[in-house]
Protein backbone atom coordinates (compact mmCIF):
# COMPACT_ATOMS: atom_id res chain seq x y z
CA UNK A 1 153.38 131.90 -137.25
CA UNK A 2 157.19 130.54 -137.05
CA UNK A 3 157.72 127.28 -139.36
CA UNK A 4 160.34 125.16 -137.64
CA UNK A 5 163.03 123.92 -140.11
CA UNK A 6 162.46 120.30 -141.16
CA UNK A 7 165.12 118.53 -143.33
CA UNK A 8 162.41 117.04 -145.48
CA UNK A 9 160.79 120.46 -145.80
CA UNK A 10 163.78 121.53 -147.21
CA UNK A 11 163.89 119.19 -150.17
CA UNK A 12 160.43 119.39 -151.12
CA UNK A 13 160.74 123.16 -151.56
CA UNK A 14 164.24 122.46 -153.33
CA UNK A 15 162.90 119.96 -155.40
CA UNK A 16 159.06 121.41 -156.22
CA UNK A 17 158.68 124.61 -157.57
CA UNK A 18 156.17 127.11 -156.01
CA UNK A 19 153.85 127.30 -158.92
CA UNK A 20 153.98 123.69 -158.94
CA UNK A 21 152.37 123.22 -155.52
CA UNK A 22 149.81 126.39 -155.96
CA UNK A 23 149.22 124.69 -159.62
CA UNK A 24 148.26 121.51 -157.88
CA UNK A 25 146.13 122.98 -154.96
CA UNK A 26 144.13 124.79 -157.38
CA UNK A 27 144.11 122.08 -159.73
CA UNK A 28 142.36 120.24 -157.13
CA UNK A 29 140.06 121.91 -156.09
CA UNK A 30 138.70 122.88 -159.79
CA UNK A 31 138.44 118.89 -160.58
CA UNK A 32 136.61 118.25 -157.40
CA UNK A 33 134.18 121.03 -157.60
CA UNK A 34 133.47 119.47 -161.23
CA UNK A 35 133.39 116.07 -160.12
CA UNK A 36 130.64 117.21 -157.55
CA UNK A 37 128.66 118.67 -160.59
CA UNK A 38 128.82 115.66 -162.63
CA UNK A 39 127.63 113.37 -160.17
CA UNK A 40 125.15 115.00 -158.44
CA UNK A 41 122.32 115.62 -160.68
CA UNK A 42 122.18 111.45 -160.29
CA UNK A 43 119.43 109.34 -158.19
CA UNK A 44 119.71 109.76 -154.89
CA UNK A 45 120.54 105.96 -154.78
CA UNK A 46 123.56 106.48 -157.12
CA UNK A 47 124.71 110.00 -155.87
CA UNK A 48 127.36 109.21 -153.59
CA UNK A 49 128.74 106.59 -155.75
CA UNK A 50 128.64 108.59 -158.79
CA UNK A 51 130.18 111.76 -156.98
CA UNK A 52 133.13 109.65 -155.50
CA UNK A 53 133.56 108.15 -159.21
CA UNK A 54 133.31 111.83 -161.01
CA UNK A 55 135.33 113.49 -158.61
CA UNK A 56 138.25 110.76 -159.15
CA UNK A 57 138.10 111.27 -162.86
CA UNK A 58 138.18 115.12 -162.92
CA UNK A 59 140.58 115.61 -160.07
CA UNK A 60 142.65 113.27 -162.19
CA UNK A 61 142.74 115.25 -165.37
CA UNK A 62 143.01 118.55 -163.27
CA UNK A 63 145.87 116.77 -161.65
CA UNK A 64 147.80 115.90 -164.91
CA UNK A 65 146.98 119.38 -166.24
CA UNK A 66 149.06 120.70 -163.46
CA UNK A 67 151.80 118.51 -163.32
CA UNK A 68 152.33 119.42 -167.39
CA UNK A 69 151.69 123.15 -167.20
CA UNK A 70 154.91 123.07 -164.70
CA UNK A 71 157.24 120.69 -166.71
CA UNK A 72 156.23 117.67 -164.06
CA UNK A 73 156.10 114.94 -166.64
CA UNK A 74 152.86 112.94 -165.94
CA UNK A 75 151.89 109.69 -166.09
CA UNK A 76 149.30 109.36 -169.14
CA UNK A 77 145.58 109.25 -168.28
CA UNK A 78 143.98 105.70 -168.09
CA UNK A 79 141.06 104.82 -166.39
CA UNK A 80 141.73 104.00 -162.73
CA UNK A 81 145.31 104.01 -162.65
CA UNK A 82 146.73 106.83 -160.49
CA UNK A 83 148.68 109.59 -162.16
CA UNK A 84 152.35 110.48 -161.34
CA UNK A 85 154.56 113.37 -162.23
CA UNK A 86 158.04 114.03 -161.88
CA UNK A 87 159.90 116.95 -160.48
CA UNK A 88 163.96 116.48 -159.57
CA UNK A 89 164.50 113.70 -156.66
CA UNK A 90 160.76 113.23 -156.01
CA UNK A 91 157.49 111.32 -157.60
CA UNK A 92 154.46 113.09 -157.17
CA UNK A 93 151.24 111.60 -156.48
CA UNK A 94 147.63 112.27 -155.43
CA UNK A 95 144.66 110.60 -153.09
CA UNK A 96 141.48 112.00 -151.91
CA UNK A 97 140.44 110.47 -148.64
CA UNK A 98 138.13 111.21 -145.30
CA UNK A 99 140.22 108.92 -143.53
CA UNK A 100 143.72 110.42 -143.26
CA UNK A 101 146.72 108.02 -144.74
CA UNK A 102 144.83 104.72 -144.70
CA UNK A 103 142.55 105.87 -147.86
CA UNK A 104 145.91 105.70 -149.83
CA UNK A 105 147.23 102.86 -148.29
CA UNK A 106 144.62 100.61 -150.40
CA UNK A 107 146.48 101.24 -153.73
CA UNK A 108 149.46 99.16 -154.81
CA UNK A 109 150.44 101.49 -156.99
CA UNK A 110 150.70 104.70 -153.97
CA UNK A 111 152.48 101.83 -151.94
CA UNK A 112 154.85 100.81 -154.50
CA UNK A 113 155.87 104.63 -154.93
CA UNK A 114 156.30 105.24 -150.84
CA UNK A 115 159.07 102.44 -151.30
CA UNK A 116 161.25 104.80 -152.23
CA UNK A 117 161.12 106.64 -149.28
CA UNK A 118 163.34 104.44 -146.91
CA UNK A 119 166.40 107.15 -147.18
CA UNK A 120 164.03 109.75 -146.16
CA UNK A 121 162.97 108.07 -142.96
CA UNK A 122 166.56 107.66 -142.01
CA UNK A 123 167.08 111.64 -142.76
CA UNK A 124 164.33 112.21 -139.88
CA UNK A 125 165.29 109.12 -138.00
CA UNK A 126 169.10 108.55 -138.12
CA UNK A 127 170.36 105.28 -137.53
CA UNK A 128 173.89 105.49 -135.11
CA UNK A 129 175.10 102.10 -136.92
CA UNK A 130 174.38 102.67 -140.19
CA UNK A 131 176.36 105.03 -142.52
CA UNK A 132 173.53 107.54 -143.42
CA UNK A 133 173.01 108.44 -147.46
CA UNK A 134 172.18 111.60 -148.83
CA UNK A 135 168.52 110.76 -150.46
CA UNK A 136 168.30 111.04 -154.26
CA UNK A 137 164.96 109.90 -154.55
CA UNK A 138 161.58 110.01 -152.83
CA UNK A 139 157.85 110.15 -153.20
CA UNK A 140 155.43 113.03 -152.10
CA UNK A 141 151.80 112.96 -152.07
CA UNK A 142 148.83 115.55 -152.35
CA UNK A 143 146.46 115.04 -150.26
CA UNK A 144 142.48 116.37 -150.55
CA UNK A 145 139.82 115.94 -147.80
CA UNK A 146 136.48 116.70 -148.79
CA UNK A 147 133.90 119.41 -147.28
CA UNK A 148 131.32 117.83 -145.72
CA UNK A 149 128.97 120.78 -146.25
CA UNK A 150 129.59 121.51 -149.59
CA UNK A 151 126.66 121.91 -151.88
CA UNK A 152 128.13 122.86 -155.32
CA UNK A 153 128.02 126.98 -154.77
CA UNK A 154 130.62 128.87 -156.35
CA UNK A 155 131.48 130.91 -153.43
CA UNK A 156 132.30 127.35 -151.18
CA UNK A 157 135.21 125.39 -151.22
CA UNK A 158 134.57 121.63 -152.31
CA UNK A 159 137.82 120.73 -149.96
CA UNK A 160 137.94 121.25 -146.35
CA UNK A 161 142.17 121.18 -146.56
CA UNK A 162 144.91 120.02 -148.97
CA UNK A 163 147.89 118.59 -147.41
CA UNK A 164 151.05 117.54 -149.09
CA UNK A 165 152.81 114.45 -147.49
CA UNK A 166 155.72 112.07 -147.47
CA UNK A 167 154.76 108.66 -146.19
CA UNK A 168 156.97 105.88 -144.48
CA UNK A 169 157.71 103.33 -146.75
CA UNK A 170 155.03 101.07 -145.57
CA UNK A 171 152.48 104.35 -145.74
CA UNK A 172 151.63 103.62 -142.18
CA UNK A 173 152.57 106.93 -140.80
CA UNK A 174 153.55 110.49 -142.30
CA UNK A 175 157.77 111.31 -142.44
CA UNK A 176 156.32 114.83 -143.35
CA UNK A 177 152.95 116.38 -143.49
CA UNK A 178 151.50 120.04 -143.92
CA UNK A 179 148.56 121.75 -145.26
CA UNK A 180 149.73 123.16 -148.56
CA UNK A 181 148.84 126.54 -147.04
CA UNK A 182 151.57 126.23 -144.63
CA UNK A 183 153.80 124.81 -146.63
CA UNK A 184 153.93 127.60 -149.26
CA UNK A 185 155.05 129.80 -146.65
CA UNK A 186 158.44 128.02 -146.63
CA UNK A 187 159.21 129.61 -149.88
CA UNK A 188 158.90 133.03 -148.61
CA UNK A 189 161.65 132.36 -145.94
CA UNK A 190 164.63 134.62 -146.74
CA UNK A 191 167.48 132.57 -147.61
CA UNK A 192 170.63 134.16 -146.34
CA UNK A 193 173.10 134.62 -148.98
CA UNK A 194 177.10 135.54 -148.95
CA UNK A 195 177.90 139.05 -149.96
CA UNK A 196 180.82 138.03 -152.47
CA UNK A 197 180.73 141.78 -153.80
CA UNK A 198 184.79 143.12 -154.06
CA UNK A 199 185.18 146.86 -154.70
CA UNK A 200 188.09 147.26 -157.55
CA UNK A 201 189.42 150.61 -158.15
CA UNK A 202 190.23 152.12 -161.47
CA UNK A 203 193.49 152.25 -162.86
CA UNK A 204 195.86 155.02 -162.00
CA UNK A 205 193.69 155.97 -158.52
CA UNK A 206 194.85 155.21 -155.10
CA UNK A 207 192.90 154.94 -152.47
CA UNK A 208 192.70 158.27 -150.35
CA UNK A 209 195.21 159.10 -147.51
CA UNK A 210 194.91 159.82 -144.30
CA UNK A 211 194.86 163.64 -144.79
CA UNK A 212 192.08 162.70 -147.26
CA UNK A 213 194.28 163.59 -150.45
CA UNK A 214 194.57 161.25 -153.35
CA UNK A 215 197.81 159.81 -154.44
């Protein structure tokens, strides 16, 4: 698969280390599994709610640990408050959803984070009548989606997919969005480097003459 260049993807790979993205991906899977196992023993009438709430708490804890391990300065764990990290110019949040972007747009805290993406919107859709500024801040979200067939087995994945995305300021659409599996491939793209090496001869040694003899 050939990945197309994208200005937002380039900013993300520059400001988010590969190990951070991989750590968050693993953490969300672990948190979702722990949440399911914690909530599933509840009565069938409470089970769905219990799993959802347990999953939120366990995924928050795992997400926070992944941010801290990567030096991404997670905000304190506190009840239902969202956990937010920081890496380079990006604030990093997460949410779990089976309904796409709408699942995260219900949170005022996430909406507040998304307001920082105004300049990033114009990077993708530049305004001919406005002086375009280089972005200095933005917000990115990791979105996890449940696997509806998950039954708690170790060999099953509790999530059907994890996506990384930058929403528009009103969270009505995505400015950039990819699964983490595809996004991680962007770090493997070769970056051409200029060859600045210069050859220096030892003092007293001249270049070979046309006859192949040293002068």
